[in-house]
Amino acid sequence: MDNGNDVGGSFVPDDFFGSIPEGFVAQALSLTSPRDACRLSLVCSVFRSAADWDAVWESFLPPDYQKMVVTEAAAAGCCSKKQLYLRLCDHPVILDGGNKSFSLDKQSGKKCLMLGARDLSIVWGDTPRYWRWISLPESRFTEVAELISVCWFEVHGRITTSMLSPNTLYVAFIVFKSTSETHGFEYQPAEVSVGISGLKSETQTVFLEPQDEPRRRYPVVPRRRIGMYNRGHVRYPNPIVVPRSPSSNGNGPKQREDGWMEIELGEYFVKEGEEGELEMSMREVKGGNWKGGIVIQGIEIRPKTCN
């Protein structure tokens, strides 16, 4: 008795997929995506075995991955390209003397980069009375920037587009934490933008306060009453709790899996062969009030994913 099915007048054996040469399956899987390769590995044992081939996962790694991760791979003891791929998804590699990190988006294999606080341009960042550089165990970088108190809040990050994956829509986020000393950001939303340096980019507004927290309004202390050497030591009276409008913080911070918060700065599509410097910024300079109490880890650039 024949074991099979009659499909459209053609006879298809029950073990059709299992009879396909494994090398052919591996080559086909390498033309898909990491997500699809994992799904197709459930078809049968031949697909499952082919989905583990180094040739498949080599095709999902960026072309220039070797110069970034040789040391990391050796330290992690990765014995296959699939292990290396998953390692790079879950454990960012620190680059550029500890100022950047590199990882992969698990679904697509596209590059993810984070610029550490030391790699950012922070106005007054080198002035100890305004900003303080500290270490936190939960940060991937050795130093983070703690805002003491400033009137002019402005942060910029820049990265060459050649470091990112081509033909990819990227989203930039500032990664930070609020503290018990956070104050002053309730007066005015911050302006954020992403675009090629030197060219005009679209500006949006965001709030640094979590949406589920009430606003605490502090009296504005006129600048002329504060001495130059006392700006970082402003003491406010008890704050006034102000009810929040339901729509006042639609672009507010979101909680990350690593315990930090992030706010979207904007999007940018990196074209094939594009050469330029991508600039990302956040600034709040219109309110005129003192603000402080946040800790900045860096700016992360990662592919936009469809939920």
C-alpha atoms as a PDB file:
ATOM      1  CA  MET A   1       0.000   0.000   0.000  1.00  0.00           C
ATOM      2  CA  ASP A   2       1.272   3.423  -0.940  1.00  0.00           C
ATOM      3  CA  ASN A   3       1.768   5.864   1.905  1.00  0.00           C
ATOM      4  CA  GLY A   4       1.023   9.347   0.675  1.00  0.00           C
ATOM      5  CA  ASN A   5      -1.553  11.868  -0.376  1.00  0.00           C
ATOM      6  CA  ASP A   6      -3.033  12.851  -3.692  1.00  0.00           C
ATOM      7  CA  VAL A   7      -2.577  16.635  -3.936  1.00  0.00           C
ATOM      8  CA  GLY A   8      -3.784  18.261  -7.136  1.00  0.00           C
ATOM      9  CA  GLY A   9      -3.376  15.052  -9.064  1.00  0.00           C
ATOM     10  CA  SER A  10       0.207  14.578  -7.838  1.00  0.00           C
ATOM     11  CA  PHE A  11       1.308  11.959  -5.368  1.00  0.00           C
ATOM     12  CA  VAL A  12       3.110  13.412  -2.313  1.00  0.00           C
ATOM     13  CA  PRO A  13       4.737  10.915   0.106  1.00  0.00           C
ATOM     14  CA  ASP A  14       3.992  11.350   3.785  1.00  0.00           C
ATOM     15  CA  ASP A  15       7.715  11.719   4.468  1.00  0.00           C
ATOM     16  CA  PHE A  16       8.243  14.263   1.677  1.00  0.00           C
ATOM     17  CA  PHE A  17       9.946  16.904   3.868  1.00  0.00           C
ATOM     18  CA  GLY A  18      12.066  14.255   5.536  1.00  0.00           C
ATOM     19  CA  SER A  19      13.348  13.080   2.155  1.00  0.00           C
ATOM     20  CA  ILE A  20      14.740  16.496   1.133  1.00  0.00           C
ATOM     21  CA  PRO A  21      18.551  16.621   1.350  1.00  0.00           C
ATOM     22  CA  GLU A  22      19.631  18.384   4.541  1.00  0.00           C
ATOM     23  CA  GLY A  23      22.086  20.651   2.729  1.00  0.00           C
ATOM     24  CA  PHE A  24      19.317  21.871   0.437  1.00  0.00           C
ATOM     25  CA  VAL A  25      17.140  22.658   3.457  1.00  0.00           C
ATOM     26  CA  ALA A  26      19.996  24.514   5.163  1.00  0.00           C
ATOM     27  CA  GLN A  27      20.566  26.639   2.076  1.00  0.00           C
ATOM     28  CA  ALA A  28      16.870  27.496   1.909  1.00  0.00           C
ATOM     29  CA  LEU A  29      16.741  28.369   5.612  1.00  0.00           C
ATOM     30  CA  SER A  30      19.706  30.716   5.226  1.00  0.00           C
ATOM     31  CA  LEU A  31      17.572  32.828   2.870  1.00  0.00           C
ATOM     32  CA  THR A  32      14.898  33.387   5.515  1.00  0.00           C
ATOM     33  CA  SER A  33      15.206  35.111   8.908  1.00  0.00           C
ATOM     34  CA  PRO A  34      16.296  33.850  12.345  1.00  0.00           C
ATOM     35  CA  ARG A  35      12.670  33.848  13.468  1.00  0.00           C
ATOM     36  CA  ASP A  36      11.488  31.858  10.436  1.00  0.00           C
ATOM     37  CA  ALA A  37      14.380  29.400  10.701  1.00  0.00           C
ATOM     38  CA  CYS A  38      13.394  28.577  14.279  1.00  0.00           C
ATOM     39  CA  ARG A  39       9.770  28.097  13.285  1.00  0.00           C
ATOM     40  CA  LEU A  40      10.627  25.871  10.310  1.00  0.00           C
ATOM     41  CA  SER A  41      12.859  23.698  12.507  1.00  0.00           C
ATOM     42  CA  LEU A  42       9.630  22.260  13.932  1.00  0.00           C
ATOM     43  CA  VAL A  43       8.592  20.746  10.578  1.00  0.00           C
ATOM     44  CA  CYS A  44      10.620  17.537  10.924  1.00  0.00           C
ATOM     45  CA  SER A  45      13.944  16.135  12.079  1.00  0.00           C
ATOM     46  CA  VAL A  46      15.708  17.061   8.813  1.00  0.00           C
ATOM     47  CA  PHE A  47      14.643  20.701   9.143  1.00  0.00           C
ATOM     48  CA  ARG A  48      15.587  20.693  12.822  1.00  0.00           C
ATOM     49  CA  SER A  49      19.072  19.439  12.045  1.00  0.00           C
ATOM     50  CA  ALA A  50      19.535  21.805   9.092  1.00  0.00           C
ATOM     51  CA  ALA A  51      18.454  24.757  11.241  1.00  0.00           C
ATOM     52  CA  ASP A  52      21.536  24.214  13.415  1.00  0.00           C
ATOM     53  CA  TRP A  53      24.033  24.410  10.558  1.00  0.00           C
ATOM     54  CA  ASP A  54      26.734  27.059  10.913  1.00  0.00           C
ATOM     55  CA  ALA A  55      26.084  28.173   7.333  1.00  0.00           C
ATOM     56  CA  VAL A  56      22.526  29.116   8.281  1.00  0.00           C
ATOM     57  CA  TRP A  57      23.459  31.242  11.282  1.00  0.00           C
ATOM     58  CA  GLU A  58      26.508  32.712   9.551  1.00  0.00           C
ATOM     59  CA  SER A  59      24.091  34.228   7.038  1.00  0.00           C
ATOM     60  CA  PHE A  60      22.140  35.885   9.873  1.00  0.00           C
ATOM     61  CA  LEU A  61      25.218  37.521  11.407  1.00  0.00           C
ATOM     62  CA  PRO A  62      26.307  40.961  10.128  1.00  0.00           C
ATOM     63  CA  PRO A  63      29.091  40.821   7.503  1.00  0.00           C
ATOM     64  CA  ASP A  64      31.507  42.670   9.800  1.00  0.00           C
ATOM     65  CA  TYR A  65      30.674  40.835  13.027  1.00  0.00           C
ATOM     66  CA  GLN A  66      34.091  39.178  13.341  1.00  0.00           C
ATOM     67  CA  LYS A  67      36.035  42.369  13.994  1.00  0.00           C
ATOM     68  CA  MET A  68      33.608  43.226  16.816  1.00  0.00           C
ATOM     69  CA  VAL A  69      33.194  39.937  18.640  1.00  0.00           C
ATOM     70  CA  VAL A  70      36.299  37.754  18.266  1.00  0.00           C
ATOM     71  CA  THR A  71      37.352  38.237  21.894  1.00  0.00           C
ATOM     72  CA  GLU A  72      33.783  38.003  23.185  1.00  0.00           C
ATOM     73  CA  ALA A  73      33.148  34.740  21.338  1.00  0.00           C
ATOM     74  CA  ALA A  74      36.310  33.144  22.711  1.00  0.00           C
ATOM     75  CA  ALA A  75      35.493  34.234  26.262  1.00  0.00           C
ATOM     76  CA  ALA A  76      31.941  32.919  26.003  1.00  0.00           C
ATOM     77  CA  GLY A  77      33.088  29.545  24.659  1.00  0.00           C
ATOM     78  CA  CYS A  78      30.719  29.620  21.676  1.00  0.00           C
ATOM     79  CA  CYS A  79      31.273  26.477  19.625  1.00  0.00           C
ATOM     80  CA  SER A  80      28.687  27.167  16.910  1.00  0.00           C
ATOM     81  CA  LYS A  81      27.424  30.132  14.951  1.00  0.00           C
ATOM     82  CA  LYS A  82      23.970  29.653  16.447  1.00  0.00           C
ATOM     83  CA  GLN A  83      25.378  29.899  19.974  1.00  0.00           C
ATOM     84  CA  LEU A  84      27.318  32.991  18.966  1.00  0.00           C
ATOM     85  CA  TYR A  85      24.196  34.564  17.453  1.00  0.00           C
ATOM     86  CA  LEU A  86      22.126  33.969  20.591  1.00  0.00           C
ATOM     87  CA  ARG A  87      24.997  35.178  22.763  1.00  0.00           C
ATOM     88  CA  LEU A  88      25.128  38.474  20.858  1.00  0.00           C
ATOM     89  CA  CYS A  89      21.378  38.904  21.247  1.00  0.00           C
ATOM     90  CA  ASP A  90      21.399  38.511  25.025  1.00  0.00           C
ATOM     91  CA  HIS A  91      24.839  39.818  26.020  1.00  0.00           C
ATOM     92  CA  PRO A  92      25.896  43.154  24.459  1.00  0.00           C
ATOM     93  CA  VAL A  93      29.585  43.464  23.559  1.00  0.00           C
ATOM     94  CA  ILE A  94      31.336  46.555  24.917  1.00  0.00           C
ATOM     95  CA  LEU A  95      33.260  48.488  22.238  1.00  0.00           C
ATOM     96  CA  ASP A  96      35.245  51.680  21.752  1.00  0.00           C
ATOM     97  CA  GLY A  97      37.054  51.646  25.066  1.00  0.00           C
ATOM     98  CA  GLY A  98      33.876  51.010  27.025  1.00  0.00           C
ATOM     99  CA  ASN A  99      31.825  53.833  25.470  1.00  0.00           C
ATOM    100  CA  LYS A 100      29.602  51.818  23.097  1.00  0.00           C
ATOM    101  CA  SER A 101      27.859  48.462  23.095  1.00  0.00           C
ATOM    102  CA  PHE A 102      26.906  46.179  20.208  1.00  0.00           C
ATOM    103  CA  SER A 103      24.223  43.491  20.120  1.00  0.00           C
ATOM    104  CA  LEU A 104      21.802  41.864  17.692  1.00  0.00           C
ATOM    105  CA  ASP A 105      18.041  42.060  17.384  1.00  0.00           C
ATOM    106  CA  LYS A 106      16.929  38.474  18.028  1.00  0.00           C
ATOM    107  CA  GLN A 107      14.133  38.411  15.440  1.00  0.00           C
ATOM    108  CA  SER A 108      15.987  39.973  12.523  1.00  0.00           C
ATOM    109  CA  GLY A 109      19.724  39.783  13.243  1.00  0.00           C
ATOM    110  CA  LYS A 110      20.049  43.531  12.635  1.00  0.00           C
ATOM    111  CA  LYS A 111      22.609  45.511  14.604  1.00  0.00           C
ATOM    112  CA  CYS A 112      21.714  47.294  17.837  1.00  0.00           C
ATOM    113  CA  LEU A 113      24.086  49.963  19.175  1.00  0.00           C
ATOM    114  CA  MET A 114      24.092  51.919  22.412  1.00  0.00           C
ATOM    115  CA  LEU A 115      26.162  55.034  23.006  1.00  0.00           C
ATOM    116  CA  GLY A 116      27.199  55.240  26.648  1.00  0.00           C
ATOM    117  CA  ALA A 117      26.844  58.507  28.533  1.00  0.00           C
ATOM    118  CA  ARG A 118      30.583  59.191  28.097  1.00  0.00           C
ATOM    119  CA  ASP A 119      30.085  58.984  24.329  1.00  0.00           C
ATOM    120  CA  LEU A 120      27.358  61.652  24.382  1.00  0.00           C
ATOM    121  CA  SER A 121      27.670  65.418  24.168  1.00  0.00           C
ATOM    122  CA  ILE A 122      26.072  66.759  27.365  1.00  0.00           C
ATOM    123  CA  VAL A 123      25.914  70.518  27.845  1.00  0.00           C
ATOM    124  CA  TRP A 124      27.664  71.332  31.162  1.00  0.00           C
ATOM    125  CA  GLY A 125      28.470  67.609  31.484  1.00  0.00           C
ATOM    126  CA  ASP A 126      32.044  68.362  32.540  1.00  0.00           C
ATOM    127  CA  THR A 127      30.978  70.797  35.272  1.00  0.00           C
ATOM    128  CA  PRO A 128      30.717  68.965  38.645  1.00  0.00           C
ATOM    129  CA  ARG A 129      28.179  71.367  40.129  1.00  0.00           C
ATOM    130  CA  TYR A 130      25.705  70.465  37.348  1.00  0.00           C
ATOM    131  CA  TRP A 131      26.489  66.842  36.469  1.00  0.00           C
ATOM    132  CA  ARG A 132      28.131  64.012  38.396  1.00  0.00           C
ATOM    133  CA  TRP A 133      29.728  60.879  36.909  1.00  0.00           C
ATOM    134  CA  ILE A 134      28.991  57.760  38.937  1.00  0.00           C
ATOM    135  CA  SER A 135      29.061  53.965  38.618  1.00  0.00           C
ATOM    136  CA  LEU A 136      25.971  51.769  38.931  1.00  0.00           C
ATOM    137  CA  PRO A 137      26.068  47.955  38.983  1.00  0.00           C
ATOM    138  CA  GLU A 138      22.957  47.728  36.807  1.00  0.00           C
ATOM    139  CA  SER A 139      24.567  49.739  33.975  1.00  0.00           C
ATOM    140  CA  ARG A 140      26.410  48.007  31.127  1.00  0.00           C
ATOM    141  CA  PHE A 141      28.919  50.878  31.142  1.00  0.00           C
ATOM    142  CA  THR A 142      31.414  51.776  33.854  1.00  0.00           C
ATOM    143  CA  GLU A 143      30.056  55.323  34.208  1.00  0.00           C
ATOM    144  CA  VAL A 144      26.668  56.998  33.947  1.00  0.00           C
ATOM    145  CA  ALA A 145      25.768  60.686  34.119  1.00  0.00           C
ATOM    146  CA  GLU A 146      23.718  61.934  37.074  1.00  0.00           C
ATOM    147  CA  LEU A 147      22.050  65.311  36.625  1.00  0.00           C
ATOM    148  CA  ILE A 148      22.383  67.430  39.764  1.00  0.00           C
ATOM    149  CA  SER A 149      20.636  70.603  38.604  1.00  0.00           C
ATOM    150  CA  VAL A 150      20.639  72.713  35.426  1.00  0.00           C
ATOM    151  CA  CYS A 151      18.444  75.251  33.681  1.00  0.00           C
ATOM    152  CA  TRP A 152      19.738  74.304  30.229  1.00  0.00           C
ATOM    153  CA  PHE A 153      19.227  70.546  29.671  1.00  0.00           C
ATOM    154  CA  GLU A 154      20.668  69.320  26.370  1.00  0.00           C
ATOM    155  CA  VAL A 155      22.045  65.938  25.295  1.00  0.00           C
ATOM    156  CA  HIS A 156      23.282  64.869  21.852  1.00  0.00           C
ATOM    157  CA  GLY A 157      24.508  61.550  20.454  1.00  0.00           C
ATOM    158  CA  ARG A 158      26.107  60.870  17.076  1.00  0.00           C
ATOM    159  CA  ILE A 159      26.910  57.671  15.189  1.00  0.00           C
ATOM    160  CA  THR A 160      27.941  56.975  11.599  1.00  0.00           C
ATOM    161  CA  THR A 161      25.258  55.233   9.549  1.00  0.00           C
ATOM    162  CA  SER A 162      27.834  52.687   8.300  1.00  0.00           C
ATOM    163  CA  MET A 163      27.877  51.160  11.810  1.00  0.00           C
ATOM    164  CA  LEU A 164      24.182  50.262  11.442  1.00  0.00           C
ATOM    165  CA  SER A 165      22.456  47.647   9.277  1.00  0.00           C
ATOM    166  CA  PRO A 166      21.447  48.891   5.793  1.00  0.00           C
ATOM    167  CA  ASN A 167      17.856  49.010   4.550  1.00  0.00           C
ATOM    168  CA  THR A 168      16.607  49.115   8.124  1.00  0.00           C
ATOM    169  CA  LEU A 169      14.208  51.410   9.973  1.00  0.00           C
ATOM    170  CA  TYR A 170      15.849  52.345  13.275  1.00  0.00           C
ATOM    171  CA  VAL A 171      14.403  53.880  16.422  1.00  0.00           C
ATOM    172  CA  ALA A 172      16.529  55.811  18.933  1.00  0.00           C
ATOM    173  CA  PHE A 173      15.834  55.874  22.679  1.00  0.00           C
ATOM    174  CA  ILE A 174      17.409  57.720  25.569  1.00  0.00           C
ATOM    175  CA  VAL A 175      17.932  55.270  28.454  1.00  0.00           C
ATOM    176  CA  PHE A 176      17.708  56.763  31.940  1.00  0.00           C
ATOM    177  CA  LYS A 177      16.459  56.422  35.501  1.00  0.00           C
ATOM    178  CA  SER A 178      14.483  58.745  37.731  1.00  0.00           C
ATOM    179  CA  THR A 179      15.477  59.134  41.367  1.00  0.00           C
ATOM    180  CA  SER A 180      13.833  60.477  44.502  1.00  0.00           C
ATOM    181  CA  GLU A 181      15.479  63.809  43.658  1.00  0.00           C
ATOM    182  CA  THR A 182      13.948  64.135  40.183  1.00  0.00           C
ATOM    183  CA  HIS A 183      12.385  67.569  39.762  1.00  0.00           C
ATOM    184  CA  GLY A 184      11.744  70.358  37.286  1.00  0.00           C
ATOM    185  CA  PHE A 185      10.714  68.387  34.201  1.00  0.00           C
ATOM    186  CA  GLU A 186       7.012  68.929  34.912  1.00  0.00           C
ATOM    187  CA  TYR A 187       7.044  72.503  33.641  1.00  0.00           C
ATOM    188  CA  GLN A 188       7.910  71.964  29.997  1.00  0.00           C
ATOM    189  CA  PRO A 189       8.132  68.901  27.717  1.00  0.00           C
ATOM    190  CA  ALA A 190      11.546  68.145  26.258  1.00  0.00           C
ATOM    191  CA  GLU A 191      12.187  68.404  22.527  1.00  0.00           C
ATOM    192  CA  VAL A 192      13.650  65.356  20.782  1.00  0.00           C
ATOM    193  CA  SER A 193      14.842  64.704  17.233  1.00  0.00           C
ATOM    194  CA  VAL A 194      16.688  62.176  15.064  1.00  0.00           C
ATOM    195  CA  GLY A 195      18.253  62.926  11.685  1.00  0.00           C
ATOM    196  CA  ILE A 196      21.416  63.315   9.637  1.00  0.00           C
ATOM    197  CA  SER A 197      23.745  65.882  11.193  1.00  0.00           C
ATOM    198  CA  GLY A 198      23.617  69.203   9.386  1.00  0.00           C
ATOM    199  CA  LEU A 199      20.216  68.560   7.807  1.00  0.00           C
ATOM    200  CA  LYS A 200      16.829  69.602   9.103  1.00  0.00           C
ATOM    201  CA  SER A 201      15.051  66.936  11.167  1.00  0.00           C
ATOM    202  CA  GLU A 202      11.561  66.677  12.618  1.00  0.00           C
ATOM    203  CA  THR A 203      11.229  67.679  16.267  1.00  0.00           C
ATOM    204  CA  GLN A 204       8.768  66.099  18.700  1.00  0.00           C
ATOM    205  CA  THR A 205       7.991  66.685  22.373  1.00  0.00           C
ATOM    206  CA  VAL A 206       8.147  64.153  25.209  1.00  0.00           C
ATOM    207  CA  PHE A 207       7.710  64.108  28.980  1.00  0.00           C
ATOM    208  CA  LEU A 208      10.291  62.516  31.261  1.00  0.00           C
ATOM    209  CA  GLU A 209       7.746  61.766  33.980  1.00  0.00           C
ATOM    210  CA  PRO A 210       6.086  58.326  34.070  1.00  0.00           C
ATOM    211  CA  GLN A 211       2.433  58.576  33.109  1.00  0.00           C
ATOM    212  CA  ASP A 212       1.157  56.950  36.294  1.00  0.00           C
ATOM    213  CA  GLU A 213       2.914  59.439  38.584  1.00  0.00           C
ATOM    214  CA  PRO A 214       1.307  62.750  39.615  1.00  0.00           C
ATOM    215  CA  ARG A 215       3.122  65.924  38.727  1.00  0.00           C
ATOM    216  CA  ARG A 216       4.891  67.705  41.551  1.00  0.00           C
ATOM    217  CA  ARG A 217       5.234  71.378  40.863  1.00  0.00           C
ATOM    218  CA  TYR A 218       7.997  73.322  42.574  1.00  0.00           C
ATOM    219  CA  PRO A 219       8.094  77.117  42.710  1.00  0.00           C
ATOM    220  CA  VAL A 220      10.423  78.571  40.084  1.00  0.00           C
ATOM    221  CA  VAL A 221      13.496  80.082  41.703  1.00  0.00           C
ATOM    222  CA  PRO A 222      14.582  83.157  39.677  1.00  0.00           C
ATOM    223  CA  ARG A 223      18.056  82.770  38.256  1.00  0.00           C
ATOM    224  CA  ARG A 224      19.212  86.187  39.462  1.00  0.00           C
ATOM    225  CA  ARG A 225      18.774  85.104  43.090  1.00  0.00           C
ATOM    226  CA  ILE A 226      21.062  82.119  42.762  1.00  0.00           C
ATOM    227  CA  GLY A 227      24.814  82.514  42.960  1.00  0.00           C
ATOM    228  CA  MET A 228      26.986  80.821  40.368  1.00  0.00           C
ATOM    229  CA  TYR A 229      28.431  78.395  42.901  1.00  0.00           C
ATOM    230  CA  ASN A 230      25.072  77.482  44.445  1.00  0.00           C
ATOM    231  CA  ARG A 231      23.228  76.344  41.334  1.00  0.00           C
ATOM    232  CA  GLY A 232      23.733  72.704  42.107  1.00  0.00           C
ATOM    233  CA  HIS A 233      22.401  73.064  45.648  1.00  0.00           C
ATOM    234  CA  VAL A 234      18.926  74.551  45.140  1.00  0.00           C
ATOM    235  CA  ARG A 235      16.497  73.605  47.903  1.00  0.00           C
ATOM    236  CA  TYR A 236      12.801  73.615  47.108  1.00  0.00           C
ATOM    237  CA  PRO A 237       9.892  73.831  49.541  1.00  0.00           C
ATOM    238  CA  ASN A 238       7.303  71.050  49.602  1.00  0.00           C
ATOM    239  CA  PRO A 239       5.944  70.444  46.087  1.00  0.00           C
ATOM    240  CA  ILE A 240       2.351  70.981  45.030  1.00  0.00           C
ATOM    241  CA  VAL A 241       0.781  67.838  43.547  1.00  0.00           C
ATOM    242  CA  VAL A 242      -0.898  68.717  40.253  1.00  0.00           C
ATOM    243  CA  PRO A 243      -3.454  66.340  38.635  1.00  0.00           C
ATOM    244  CA  ARG A 244      -2.300  65.012  35.271  1.00  0.00           C
ATOM    245  CA  SER A 245      -4.361  65.273  32.144  1.00  0.00           C
ATOM    246  CA  PRO A 246      -5.011  61.809  30.628  1.00  0.00           C
ATOM    247  CA  SER A 247      -3.448  62.906  27.332  1.00  0.00           C
ATOM    248  CA  SER A 248      -0.576  64.968  28.723  1.00  0.00           C
ATOM    249  CA  ASN A 249       2.111  62.280  28.564  1.00  0.00           C
ATOM    250  CA  GLY A 250       1.432  60.050  25.593  1.00  0.00           C
ATOM    251  CA  ASN A 251       5.116  60.205  24.669  1.00  0.00           C
ATOM    252  CA  GLY A 252       6.388  59.422  28.133  1.00  0.00           C
ATOM    253  CA  PRO A 253       8.956  56.916  29.390  1.00  0.00           C
ATOM    254  CA  LYS A 254       8.495  53.149  29.144  1.00  0.00           C
ATOM    255  CA  GLN A 255       9.897  50.507  31.463  1.00  0.00           C
ATOM    256  CA  ARG A 256      12.653  48.278  30.025  1.00  0.00           C
ATOM    257  CA  GLU A 257      13.345  44.656  30.921  1.00  0.00           C
ATOM    258  CA  ASP A 258      16.722  45.650  32.393  1.00  0.00           C
ATOM    259  CA  GLY A 259      15.084  47.956  34.965  1.00  0.00           C
ATOM    260  CA  TRP A 260      15.890  51.232  33.209  1.00  0.00           C
ATOM    261  CA  MET A 261      13.422  53.600  31.537  1.00  0.00           C
ATOM    262  CA  GLU A 262      13.501  54.707  27.912  1.00  0.00           C
ATOM    263  CA  ILE A 263      11.945  57.477  25.832  1.00  0.00           C
ATOM    264  CA  GLU A 264      11.730  57.364  22.049  1.00  0.00           C
ATOM    265  CA  LEU A 265      13.650  60.166  20.338  1.00  0.00           C
ATOM    266  CA  GLY A 266      12.603  59.409  16.766  1.00  0.00           C
ATOM    267  CA  GLU A 267      13.059  57.127  13.754  1.00  0.00           C
ATOM    268  CA  TYR A 268      15.408  56.993  10.785  1.00  0.00           C
ATOM    269  CA  PHE A 269      15.649  54.649   7.782  1.00  0.00           C
ATOM    270  CA  VAL A 270      19.247  53.719   6.925  1.00  0.00           C
ATOM    271  CA  LYS A 271      19.596  53.189   3.166  1.00  0.00           C
ATOM    272  CA  GLU A 272      21.981  50.783   1.462  1.00  0.00           C
ATOM    273  CA  GLY A 273      25.395  52.419   1.004  1.00  0.00           C
ATOM    274  CA  GLU A 274      24.397  55.539   2.924  1.00  0.00           C
ATOM    275  CA  GLU A 275      27.275  57.481   4.474  1.00  0.00           C
ATOM    276  CA  GLY A 276      26.488  60.109   7.063  1.00  0.00           C
ATOM    277  CA  GLU A 277      26.369  60.926  10.746  1.00  0.00           C
ATOM    278  CA  LEU A 278      23.103  60.209  12.512  1.00  0.00           C
ATOM    279  CA  GLU A 279      22.416  62.717  15.279  1.00  0.00           C
ATOM    280  CA  MET A 280      19.950  62.157  18.140  1.00  0.00           C
ATOM    281  CA  SER A 281      19.081  64.819  20.669  1.00  0.00           C
ATOM    282  CA  MET A 282      16.969  65.746  23.684  1.00  0.00           C
ATOM    283  CA  ARG A 283      16.755  69.271  25.042  1.00  0.00           C
ATOM    284  CA  GLU A 284      14.645  71.328  27.431  1.00  0.00           C
ATOM    285  CA  VAL A 285      15.746  74.949  27.438  1.00  0.00           C
ATOM    286  CA  LYS A 286      12.465  76.883  27.292  1.00  0.00           C
ATOM    287  CA  GLY A 287      11.109  76.400  30.803  1.00  0.00           C
ATOM    288  CA  GLY A 288      13.823  78.435  32.497  1.00  0.00           C
ATOM    289  CA  ASN A 289      13.500  76.467  35.735  1.00  0.00           C
ATOM    290  CA  TRP A 290      16.015  74.251  37.492  1.00  0.00           C
ATOM    291  CA  LYS A 291      15.705  70.554  36.812  1.00  0.00           C
ATOM    292  CA  GLY A 292      17.639  67.546  38.026  1.00  0.00           C
ATOM    293  CA  GLY A 293      17.658  64.102  39.598  1.00  0.00           C
ATOM    294  CA  ILE A 294      17.803  61.823  36.540  1.00  0.00           C
ATOM    295  CA  VAL A 295      20.586  59.372  35.646  1.00  0.00           C
ATOM    296  CA  ILE A 296      21.474  58.825  31.964  1.00  0.00           C
ATOM    297  CA  GLN A 297      22.990  55.519  30.837  1.00  0.00           C
ATOM    298  CA  GLY A 298      23.077  56.356  27.123  1.00  0.00           C
ATOM    299  CA  ILE A 299      21.219  56.422  23.815  1.00  0.00           C
ATOM    300  CA  GLU A 300      20.223  53.128  22.186  1.00  0.00           C
ATOM    301  CA  ILE A 301      19.589  52.675  18.460  1.00  0.00           C
ATOM    302  CA  ARG A 302      17.776  49.493  17.490  1.00  0.00           C
ATOM    303  CA  PRO A 303      15.601  48.222  14.593  1.00  0.00           C
ATOM    304  CA  LYS A 304      11.926  49.020  14.808  1.00  0.00           C
ATOM    305  CA  THR A 305       9.934  45.865  15.415  1.00  0.00           C
ATOM    306  CA  CYS A 306       6.303  45.174  14.543  1.00  0.00           C
ATOM    307  CA  ASN A 307       4.343  43.920  17.547  1.00  0.00           C
END
